[in-house]
PDB file of N, CA and C in Angstrom:
ATOM      1  N   MET A   1       0.821  -1.158   0.006  1.00  0.00           N
ATOM      2  CA  MET A   1      -0.020  -0.006  -0.009  1.00  0.00           C
ATOM      3  C   MET A   1       0.850   1.234  -0.024  1.00  0.00           C
ATOM      4  N   ARG A   2       1.925   1.198   0.842  1.00  0.00           N
ATOM      5  CA  ARG A   2       2.807   2.400   0.883  1.00  0.00           C
ATOM      6  C   ARG A   2       3.486   2.638  -0.453  1.00  0.00           C
ATOM      7  N   GLN A   3       3.908   1.618  -1.148  1.00  0.00           N
ATOM      8  CA  GLN A   3       4.548   1.747  -2.452  1.00  0.00           C
ATOM      9  C   GLN A   3       3.635   2.361  -3.451  1.00  0.00           C
ATOM     10  N   ALA A   4       2.358   1.949  -3.439  1.00  0.00           N
ATOM     11  CA  ALA A   4       1.366   2.531  -4.384  1.00  0.00           C
ATOM     12  C   ALA A   4       1.150   3.990  -4.076  1.00  0.00           C
ATOM     13  N   SER A   5       1.081   4.341  -2.859  1.00  0.00           N
ATOM     14  CA  SER A   5       0.950   5.744  -2.451  1.00  0.00           C
ATOM     15  C   SER A   5       2.120   6.536  -2.806  1.00  0.00           C
ATOM     16  N   PHE A   6       3.328   6.032  -2.576  1.00  0.00           N
ATOM     17  CA  PHE A   6       4.554   6.783  -2.857  1.00  0.00           C
ATOM     18  C   PHE A   6       4.855   6.924  -4.372  1.00  0.00           C
ATOM     19  N   TYR A   7       4.754   5.789  -5.078  1.00  0.00           N
ATOM     20  CA  TYR A   7       5.128   5.796  -6.538  1.00  0.00           C
ATOM     21  C   TYR A   7       4.034   6.230  -7.480  1.00  0.00           C
ATOM     22  N   GLN A   8       2.750   6.200  -7.060  1.00  0.00           N
ATOM     23  CA  GLN A   8       1.605   6.559  -7.859  1.00  0.00           C
ATOM     24  C   GLN A   8       1.754   5.950  -9.295  1.00  0.00           C
ATOM     25  N   PRO A   9       1.693   4.614  -9.402  1.00  0.00           N
ATOM     26  CA  PRO A   9       1.838   3.978 -10.701  1.00  0.00           C
ATOM     27  C   PRO A   9       0.629   4.332 -11.626  1.00  0.00           C
ATOM     28  N   ASP A  10       0.866   4.214 -12.927  1.00  0.00           N
ATOM     29  CA  ASP A  10      -0.190   4.462 -13.909  1.00  0.00           C
ATOM     30  C   ASP A  10      -1.350   3.465 -13.750  1.00  0.00           C
ATOM     31  N   ALA A  11      -1.058   2.242 -13.311  1.00  0.00           N
ATOM     32  CA  ALA A  11      -2.048   1.241 -13.102  1.00  0.00           C
ATOM     33  C   ALA A  11      -1.442   0.113 -12.241  1.00  0.00           C
ATOM     34  N   ILE A  12      -2.272  -0.705 -11.664  1.00  0.00           N
ATOM     35  CA  ILE A  12      -1.827  -1.823 -10.889  1.00  0.00           C
ATOM     36  C   ILE A  12      -2.479  -3.062 -11.435  1.00  0.00           C
ATOM     37  N   ILE A  13      -1.695  -4.115 -11.737  1.00  0.00           N
ATOM     38  CA  ILE A  13      -2.181  -5.415 -12.096  1.00  0.00           C
ATOM     39  C   ILE A  13      -2.079  -6.259 -10.850  1.00  0.00           C
ATOM     40  N   LEU A  14      -3.300  -6.721 -10.406  1.00  0.00           N
ATOM     41  CA  LEU A  14      -3.399  -7.345  -9.077  1.00  0.00           C
ATOM     42  C   LEU A  14      -3.841  -8.801  -9.266  1.00  0.00           C
ATOM     43  N   GLU A  15      -3.060  -9.677  -8.741  1.00  0.00           N
ATOM     44  CA  GLU A  15      -3.485 -11.121  -8.620  1.00  0.00           C
ATOM     45  C   GLU A  15      -4.278 -11.294  -7.399  1.00  0.00           C
ATOM     46  N   VAL A  16      -5.392 -11.971  -7.531  1.00  0.00           N
ATOM     47  CA  VAL A  16      -6.254 -12.205  -6.372  1.00  0.00           C
ATOM     48  C   VAL A  16      -5.590 -12.959  -5.279  1.00  0.00           C
ATOM     49  N   SER A  17      -4.845 -13.991  -5.655  1.00  0.00           N
ATOM     50  CA  SER A  17      -4.171 -14.871  -4.667  1.00  0.00           C
ATOM     51  C   SER A  17      -2.728 -14.386  -4.538  1.00  0.00           C
ATOM     52  N   LEU A  18      -2.458 -13.549  -3.551  1.00  0.00           N
ATOM     53  CA  LEU A  18      -1.131 -13.025  -3.368  1.00  0.00           C
ATOM     54  C   LEU A  18      -0.326 -13.824  -2.384  1.00  0.00           C
ATOM     55  N   GLY A  19      -0.777 -14.975  -2.000  1.00  0.00           N
ATOM     56  CA  GLY A  19      -0.050 -15.801  -0.993  1.00  0.00           C
ATOM     57  C   GLY A  19      -0.450 -15.315   0.386  1.00  0.00           C
ATOM     58  N   GLU A  20       0.459 -14.717   1.065  1.00  0.00           N
ATOM     59  CA  GLU A  20       0.179 -14.272   2.481  1.00  0.00           C
ATOM     60  C   GLU A  20      -0.660 -13.069   2.568  1.00  0.00           C
ATOM     61  N   ILE A  21      -0.882 -12.348   1.463  1.00  0.00           N
ATOM     62  CA  ILE A  21      -1.756 -11.196   1.461  1.00  0.00           C
ATOM     63  C   ILE A  21      -3.021 -11.501   0.645  1.00  0.00           C
ATOM     64  N   ASP A  22      -4.162 -11.135   1.163  1.00  0.00           N
ATOM     65  CA  ASP A  22      -5.415 -11.355   0.436  1.00  0.00           C
ATOM     66  C   ASP A  22      -5.559 -10.224  -0.576  1.00  0.00           C
ATOM     67  N   GLY A  23      -5.534 -10.561  -1.848  1.00  0.00           N
ATOM     68  CA  GLY A  23      -5.606  -9.559  -2.925  1.00  0.00           C
ATOM     69  C   GLY A  23      -6.863  -8.715  -2.931  1.00  0.00           C
ATOM     70  N   LEU A  24      -7.996  -9.337  -2.526  1.00  0.00           N
ATOM     71  CA  LEU A  24      -9.235  -8.597  -2.492  1.00  0.00           C
ATOM     72  C   LEU A  24      -9.242  -7.608  -1.328  1.00  0.00           C
ATOM     73  N   LEU A  25      -8.647  -7.981  -0.214  1.00  0.00           N
ATOM     74  CA  LEU A  25      -8.532  -7.075   0.900  1.00  0.00           C
ATOM     75  C   LEU A  25      -7.565  -5.917   0.509  1.00  0.00           C
ATOM     76  N   PHE A  26      -6.515  -6.204  -0.155  1.00  0.00           N
ATOM     77  CA  PHE A  26      -5.623  -5.206  -0.608  1.00  0.00           C
ATOM     78  C   PHE A  26      -6.346  -4.191  -1.530  1.00  0.00           C
ATOM     79  N   LEU A  27      -7.164  -4.697  -2.434  1.00  0.00           N
ATOM     80  CA  LEU A  27      -7.880  -3.887  -3.391  1.00  0.00           C
ATOM     81  C   LEU A  27      -8.861  -2.961  -2.627  1.00  0.00           C
ATOM     82  N   LYS A  28      -9.529  -3.489  -1.618  1.00  0.00           N
ATOM     83  CA  LYS A  28     -10.502  -2.732  -0.834  1.00  0.00           C
ATOM     84  C   LYS A  28      -9.724  -1.614  -0.077  1.00  0.00           C
ATOM     85  N   GLN A  29      -8.615  -1.914   0.474  1.00  0.00           N
ATOM     86  CA  GLN A  29      -7.793  -0.902   1.169  1.00  0.00           C
ATOM     87  C   GLN A  29      -7.259   0.121   0.251  1.00  0.00           C
ATOM     88  N   LEU A  30      -6.811  -0.260  -0.947  1.00  0.00           N
ATOM     89  CA  LEU A  30      -6.297   0.637  -1.974  1.00  0.00           C
ATOM     90  C   LEU A  30      -7.344   1.659  -2.370  1.00  0.00           C
ATOM     91  N   LYS A  31      -8.543   1.163  -2.590  1.00  0.00           N
ATOM     92  CA  LYS A  31      -9.629   2.020  -3.016  1.00  0.00           C
ATOM     93  C   LYS A  31     -10.235   2.906  -1.938  1.00  0.00           C
ATOM     94  N   SER A  32      -9.900   2.589  -0.670  1.00  0.00           N
ATOM     95  CA  SER A  32     -10.432   3.318   0.444  1.00  0.00           C
ATOM     96  C   SER A  32      -9.478   4.560   0.803  1.00  0.00           C
ATOM     97  N   GLN A  33      -8.295   4.564   0.265  1.00  0.00           N
ATOM     98  CA  GLN A  33      -7.308   5.631   0.570  1.00  0.00           C
ATOM     99  C   GLN A  33      -7.403   6.723  -0.503  1.00  0.00           C
ATOM    100  N   PRO A  34      -7.594   7.984  -0.156  1.00  0.00           N
ATOM    101  CA  PRO A  34      -7.692   9.075  -1.109  1.00  0.00           C
ATOM    102  C   PRO A  34      -6.454   9.157  -2.066  1.00  0.00           C
ATOM    103  N   GLU A  35      -5.289   8.843  -1.584  1.00  0.00           N
ATOM    104  CA  GLU A  35      -4.114   9.000  -2.432  1.00  0.00           C
ATOM    105  C   GLU A  35      -3.919   7.878  -3.404  1.00  0.00           C
ATOM    106  N   THR A  36      -4.650   6.776  -3.223  1.00  0.00           N
ATOM    107  CA  THR A  36      -4.519   5.628  -4.183  1.00  0.00           C
ATOM    108  C   THR A  36      -5.806   5.216  -4.827  1.00  0.00           C
ATOM    109  N   GLN A  37      -6.923   5.819  -4.453  1.00  0.00           N
ATOM    110  CA  GLN A  37      -8.211   5.399  -5.015  1.00  0.00           C
ATOM    111  C   GLN A  37      -8.355   5.656  -6.493  1.00  0.00           C
ATOM    112  N   GLY A  38      -7.562   6.623  -7.094  1.00  0.00           N
ATOM    113  CA  GLY A  38      -7.700   6.937  -8.446  1.00  0.00           C
ATOM    114  C   GLY A  38      -6.795   6.089  -9.344  1.00  0.00           C
ATOM    115  N   ILE A  39      -6.030   5.222  -8.808  1.00  0.00           N
ATOM    116  CA  ILE A  39      -5.119   4.356  -9.596  1.00  0.00           C
ATOM    117  C   ILE A  39      -5.948   3.266 -10.208  1.00  0.00           C
ATOM    118  N   PRO A  40      -5.937   3.115 -11.522  1.00  0.00           N
ATOM    119  CA  PRO A  40      -6.707   2.017 -12.155  1.00  0.00           C
ATOM    120  C   PRO A  40      -6.152   0.615 -11.741  1.00  0.00           C
ATOM    121  N   VAL A  41      -7.021  -0.261 -11.377  1.00  0.00           N
ATOM    122  CA  VAL A  41      -6.597  -1.612 -10.994  1.00  0.00           C
ATOM    123  C   VAL A  41      -7.182  -2.671 -11.944  1.00  0.00           C
ATOM    124  N   MET A  42      -6.294  -3.480 -12.485  1.00  0.00           N
ATOM    125  CA  MET A  42      -6.742  -4.587 -13.288  1.00  0.00           C
ATOM    126  C   MET A  42      -6.572  -5.858 -12.472  1.00  0.00           C
ATOM    127  N   LEU A  43      -7.632  -6.603 -12.405  1.00  0.00           N
ATOM    128  CA  LEU A  43      -7.578  -7.862 -11.656  1.00  0.00           C
ATOM    129  C   LEU A  43      -7.108  -8.993 -12.597  1.00  0.00           C
ATOM    130  N   LEU A  44      -6.102  -9.724 -12.200  1.00  0.00           N
ATOM    131  CA  LEU A  44      -5.586 -10.822 -13.021  1.00  0.00           C
ATOM    132  C   LEU A  44      -5.606 -12.067 -12.126  1.00  0.00           C
ATOM    133  N   THR A  45      -6.349 -13.112 -12.530  1.00  0.00           N
ATOM    134  CA  THR A  45      -6.338 -14.356 -11.809  1.00  0.00           C
ATOM    135  C   THR A  45      -6.493 -15.570 -12.734  1.00  0.00           C
ATOM    136  N   LEU A  46      -5.739 -16.549 -12.475  1.00  0.00           N
ATOM    137  CA  LEU A  46      -5.900 -17.789 -13.188  1.00  0.00           C
ATOM    138  C   LEU A  46      -6.690 -18.812 -12.396  1.00  0.00           C
ATOM    139  N   LYS A  47      -6.977 -18.505 -11.123  1.00  0.00           N
ATOM    140  CA  LYS A  47      -7.660 -19.443 -10.289  1.00  0.00           C
ATOM    141  C   LYS A  47      -9.138 -19.332 -10.229  1.00  0.00           C
ATOM    142  N   ALA A  48      -9.676 -18.284 -10.826  1.00  0.00           N
ATOM    143  CA  ALA A  48     -11.116 -18.099 -10.709  1.00  0.00           C
ATOM    144  C   ALA A  48     -11.693 -17.738 -12.096  1.00  0.00           C
ATOM    145  N   LYS A  49     -12.927 -18.010 -12.234  1.00  0.00           N
ATOM    146  CA  LYS A  49     -13.649 -17.621 -13.459  1.00  0.00           C
ATOM    147  C   LYS A  49     -14.496 -16.429 -13.203  1.00  0.00           C
ATOM    148  N   TRP A  50     -14.753 -15.610 -14.205  1.00  0.00           N
ATOM    149  CA  TRP A  50     -15.527 -14.319 -14.022  1.00  0.00           C
ATOM    150  C   TRP A  50     -16.862 -14.597 -13.402  1.00  0.00           C
ATOM    151  N   GLN A  51     -17.535 -15.689 -13.756  1.00  0.00           N
ATOM    152  CA  GLN A  51     -18.815 -15.980 -13.142  1.00  0.00           C
ATOM    153  C   GLN A  51     -18.718 -16.143 -11.637  1.00  0.00           C
ATOM    154  N   ASP A  52     -17.572 -16.719 -11.191  1.00  0.00           N
ATOM    155  CA  ASP A  52     -17.399 -16.871  -9.733  1.00  0.00           C
ATOM    156  C   ASP A  52     -17.183 -15.518  -9.081  1.00  0.00           C
ATOM    157  N   LEU A  53     -16.434 -14.655  -9.710  1.00  0.00           N
ATOM    158  CA  LEU A  53     -16.014 -13.427  -9.140  1.00  0.00           C
ATOM    159  C   LEU A  53     -17.191 -12.400  -9.120  1.00  0.00           C
ATOM    160  N   GLN A  54     -18.163 -12.532 -10.025  1.00  0.00           N
ATOM    161  CA  GLN A  54     -19.233 -11.650 -10.079  1.00  0.00           C
ATOM    162  C   GLN A  54     -20.137 -11.743  -8.816  1.00  0.00           C
ATOM    163  N   GLN A  55     -20.045 -12.904  -8.150  1.00  0.00           N
ATOM    164  CA  GLN A  55     -20.868 -13.129  -6.953  1.00  0.00           C
ATOM    165  C   GLN A  55     -20.270 -12.382  -5.738  1.00  0.00           C
ATOM    166  N   SER A  56     -19.025 -11.946  -5.854  1.00  0.00           N
ATOM    167  CA  SER A  56     -18.421 -11.299  -4.683  1.00  0.00           C
ATOM    168  C   SER A  56     -18.572  -9.808  -4.789  1.00  0.00           C
ATOM    169  N   TRP A  57     -18.178  -9.145  -3.708  1.00  0.00           N
ATOM    170  CA  TRP A  57     -18.304  -7.685  -3.553  1.00  0.00           C
ATOM    171  C   TRP A  57     -17.463  -6.894  -4.499  1.00  0.00           C
ATOM    172  N   PHE A  58     -16.368  -7.400  -4.936  1.00  0.00           N
ATOM    173  CA  PHE A  58     -15.377  -6.549  -5.623  1.00  0.00           C
ATOM    174  C   PHE A  58     -15.732  -6.249  -7.088  1.00  0.00           C
ATOM    175  N   HIS A  59     -16.731  -6.874  -7.660  1.00  0.00           N
ATOM    176  CA  HIS A  59     -16.999  -6.568  -9.085  1.00  0.00           C
ATOM    177  C   HIS A  59     -17.530  -5.169  -9.181  1.00  0.00           C
ATOM    178  N   LYS A  60     -17.900  -4.565  -8.077  1.00  0.00           N
ATOM    179  CA  LYS A  60     -18.413  -3.222  -8.045  1.00  0.00           C
ATOM    180  C   LYS A  60     -17.356  -2.262  -7.442  1.00  0.00           C
ATOM    181  N   SER A  61     -16.131  -2.670  -7.271  1.00  0.00           N
ATOM    182  CA  SER A  61     -15.187  -1.897  -6.545  1.00  0.00           C
ATOM    183  C   SER A  61     -14.233  -1.070  -7.427  1.00  0.00           C
ATOM    184  N   GLN A  62     -14.715  -0.575  -8.532  1.00  0.00           N
ATOM    185  CA  GLN A  62     -13.965   0.329  -9.396  1.00  0.00           C
ATOM    186  C   GLN A  62     -12.780  -0.333 -10.074  1.00  0.00           C
ATOM    187  N   LEU A  63     -12.996  -1.615 -10.451  1.00  0.00           N
ATOM    188  CA  LEU A  63     -11.972  -2.316 -11.201  1.00  0.00           C
ATOM    189  C   LEU A  63     -11.906  -1.709 -12.650  1.00  0.00           C
ATOM    190  N   ALA A  64     -10.694  -1.491 -13.124  1.00  0.00           N
ATOM    191  CA  ALA A  64     -10.599  -0.978 -14.491  1.00  0.00           C
ATOM    192  C   ALA A  64     -10.808  -2.158 -15.468  1.00  0.00           C
ATOM    193  N   ALA A  65     -10.407  -3.340 -15.091  1.00  0.00           N
ATOM    194  CA  ALA A  65     -10.613  -4.505 -15.953  1.00  0.00           C
ATOM    195  C   ALA A  65     -10.361  -5.782 -15.046  1.00  0.00           C
ATOM    196  N   ALA A  66     -10.882  -6.884 -15.568  1.00  0.00           N
ATOM    197  CA  ALA A  66     -10.650  -8.143 -14.960  1.00  0.00           C
ATOM    198  C   ALA A  66     -10.218  -9.149 -15.980  1.00  0.00           C
ATOM    199  N   ILE A  67      -9.121  -9.807 -15.803  1.00  0.00           N
ATOM    200  CA  ILE A  67      -8.594 -10.783 -16.701  1.00  0.00           C
ATOM    201  C   ILE A  67      -8.589 -12.103 -15.933  1.00  0.00           C
ATOM    202  N   VAL A  68      -9.478 -13.028 -16.319  1.00  0.00           N
ATOM    203  CA  VAL A  68      -9.607 -14.274 -15.652  1.00  0.00           C
ATOM    204  C   VAL A  68      -9.553 -15.454 -16.653  1.00  0.00           C
ATOM    205  N   ASN A  69      -9.648 -16.669 -16.121  1.00  0.00           N
ATOM    206  CA  ASN A  69      -9.677 -17.813 -16.932  1.00  0.00           C
ATOM    207  C   ASN A  69     -10.877 -17.793 -17.905  1.00  0.00           C
ATOM    208  N   PRO A  70     -10.727 -18.199 -19.129  1.00  0.00           N
ATOM    209  CA  PRO A  70      -9.456 -18.564 -19.798  1.00  0.00           C
ATOM    210  C   PRO A  70      -8.722 -17.302 -20.229  1.00  0.00           C
ATOM    211  N   LEU A  71      -7.429 -17.253 -19.900  1.00  0.00           N
ATOM    212  CA  LEU A  71      -6.591 -16.117 -20.246  1.00  0.00           C
ATOM    213  C   LEU A  71      -5.980 -16.292 -21.623  1.00  0.00           C
ATOM    214  N   ASP A  72      -6.059 -15.238 -22.359  1.00  0.00           N
ATOM    215  CA  ASP A  72      -5.389 -15.229 -23.715  1.00  0.00           C
ATOM    216  C   ASP A  72      -4.173 -14.379 -23.565  1.00  0.00           C
ATOM    217  N   PRO A  73      -2.975 -14.953 -23.427  1.00  0.00           N
ATOM    218  CA  PRO A  73      -1.756 -14.184 -23.177  1.00  0.00           C
ATOM    219  C   PRO A  73      -1.515 -13.082 -24.256  1.00  0.00           C
ATOM    220  N   ALA A  74      -1.919 -13.404 -25.483  1.00  0.00           N
ATOM    221  CA  ALA A  74      -1.720 -12.445 -26.546  1.00  0.00           C
ATOM    222  C   ALA A  74      -2.533 -11.157 -26.365  1.00  0.00           C
ATOM    223  N   MET A  75      -3.620 -11.253 -25.620  1.00  0.00           N
ATOM    224  CA  MET A  75      -4.469 -10.093 -25.410  1.00  0.00           C
ATOM    225  C   MET A  75      -4.119  -9.306 -24.178  1.00  0.00           C
ATOM    226  N   LEU A  76      -3.151  -9.788 -23.344  1.00  0.00           N
ATOM    227  CA  LEU A  76      -2.863  -9.123 -22.120  1.00  0.00           C
ATOM    228  C   LEU A  76      -2.383  -7.655 -22.320  1.00  0.00           C
ATOM    229  N   ALA A  77      -1.396  -7.497 -23.279  1.00  0.00           N
ATOM    230  CA  ALA A  77      -0.926  -6.165 -23.605  1.00  0.00           C
ATOM    231  C   ALA A  77      -2.066  -5.246 -24.121  1.00  0.00           C
ATOM    232  N   VAL A  78      -2.950  -5.843 -24.905  1.00  0.00           N
ATOM    233  CA  VAL A  78      -4.059  -5.029 -25.402  1.00  0.00           C
ATOM    234  C   VAL A  78      -4.964  -4.544 -24.293  1.00  0.00           C
ATOM    235  N   GLU A  79      -5.268  -5.450 -23.358  1.00  0.00           N
ATOM    236  CA  GLU A  79      -6.119  -5.064 -22.176  1.00  0.00           C
ATOM    237  C   GLU A  79      -5.437  -3.968 -21.346  1.00  0.00           C
ATOM    238  N   ILE A  80      -4.137  -4.150 -21.113  1.00  0.00           N
ATOM    239  CA  ILE A  80      -3.434  -3.183 -20.311  1.00  0.00           C
ATOM    240  C   ILE A  80      -3.457  -1.788 -21.040  1.00  0.00           C
ATOM    241  N   ALA A  81      -3.171  -1.796 -22.307  1.00  0.00           N
ATOM    242  CA  ALA A  81      -3.169  -0.598 -23.085  1.00  0.00           C
ATOM    243  C   ALA A  81      -4.539   0.071 -23.046  1.00  0.00           C
ATOM    244  N   LYS A  82      -5.597  -0.700 -23.159  1.00  0.00           N
ATOM    245  CA  LYS A  82      -6.977  -0.156 -23.091  1.00  0.00           C
ATOM    246  C   LYS A  82      -7.224   0.556 -21.795  1.00  0.00           C
ATOM    247  N   VAL A  83      -6.801  -0.028 -20.650  1.00  0.00           N
ATOM    248  CA  VAL A  83      -7.013   0.546 -19.339  1.00  0.00           C
ATOM    249  C   VAL A  83      -6.222   1.832 -19.291  1.00  0.00           C
ATOM    250  N   LEU A  84      -5.080   1.888 -19.845  1.00  0.00           N
ATOM    251  CA  LEU A  84      -4.215   3.122 -19.781  1.00  0.00           C
ATOM    252  C   LEU A  84      -4.619   4.152 -20.836  1.00  0.00           C
ATOM    253  N   GLY A  85      -5.531   3.783 -21.675  1.00  0.00           N
ATOM    254  CA  GLY A  85      -5.986   4.752 -22.747  1.00  0.00           C
ATOM    255  C   GLY A  85      -4.983   4.896 -23.869  1.00  0.00           C
ATOM    256  N   TRP A  86      -4.133   3.872 -24.037  1.00  0.00           N
ATOM    257  CA  TRP A  86      -3.113   3.920 -25.127  1.00  0.00           C
ATOM    258  C   TRP A  86      -3.733   3.374 -26.399  1.00  0.00           C
ATOM    259  N   ASP A  87      -3.377   4.009 -27.496  1.00  0.00           N
ATOM    260  CA  ASP A  87      -3.820   3.491 -28.809  1.00  0.00           C
ATOM    261  C   ASP A  87      -2.705   2.716 -29.418  1.00  0.00           C
ATOM    262  N   LEU A  88      -2.970   1.410 -29.662  1.00  0.00           N
ATOM    263  CA  LEU A  88      -1.968   0.495 -30.167  1.00  0.00           C
ATOM    264  C   LEU A  88      -1.964   0.463 -31.737  1.00  0.00           C
ATOM    265  N   ASP A  89      -2.880   1.181 -32.302  1.00  0.00           N
ATOM    266  CA  ASP A  89      -2.945   1.128 -33.767  1.00  0.00           C
ATOM    267  C   ASP A  89      -1.839   2.026 -34.419  1.00  0.00           C
TER     268      ASP A  89
END
């Protein structure tokens, strides 16, 4: 959280399963802080499907994008560029 506040990245790609840190809790905390709530967050997870995630609270938590199974690696750069407002053409 401190790094996001200090560095103010253009976007954050967040894996739901961060090991010892709960990714969804991190997202909730990130969006609750005035200095980080404007940072676009892309959710990336290979462990869940979008249908499963829609049932939880965070689909309404200002996600810029969600990339879940099945993941098309070729489209990852396109999705990131779209979130950042970059034109790849």
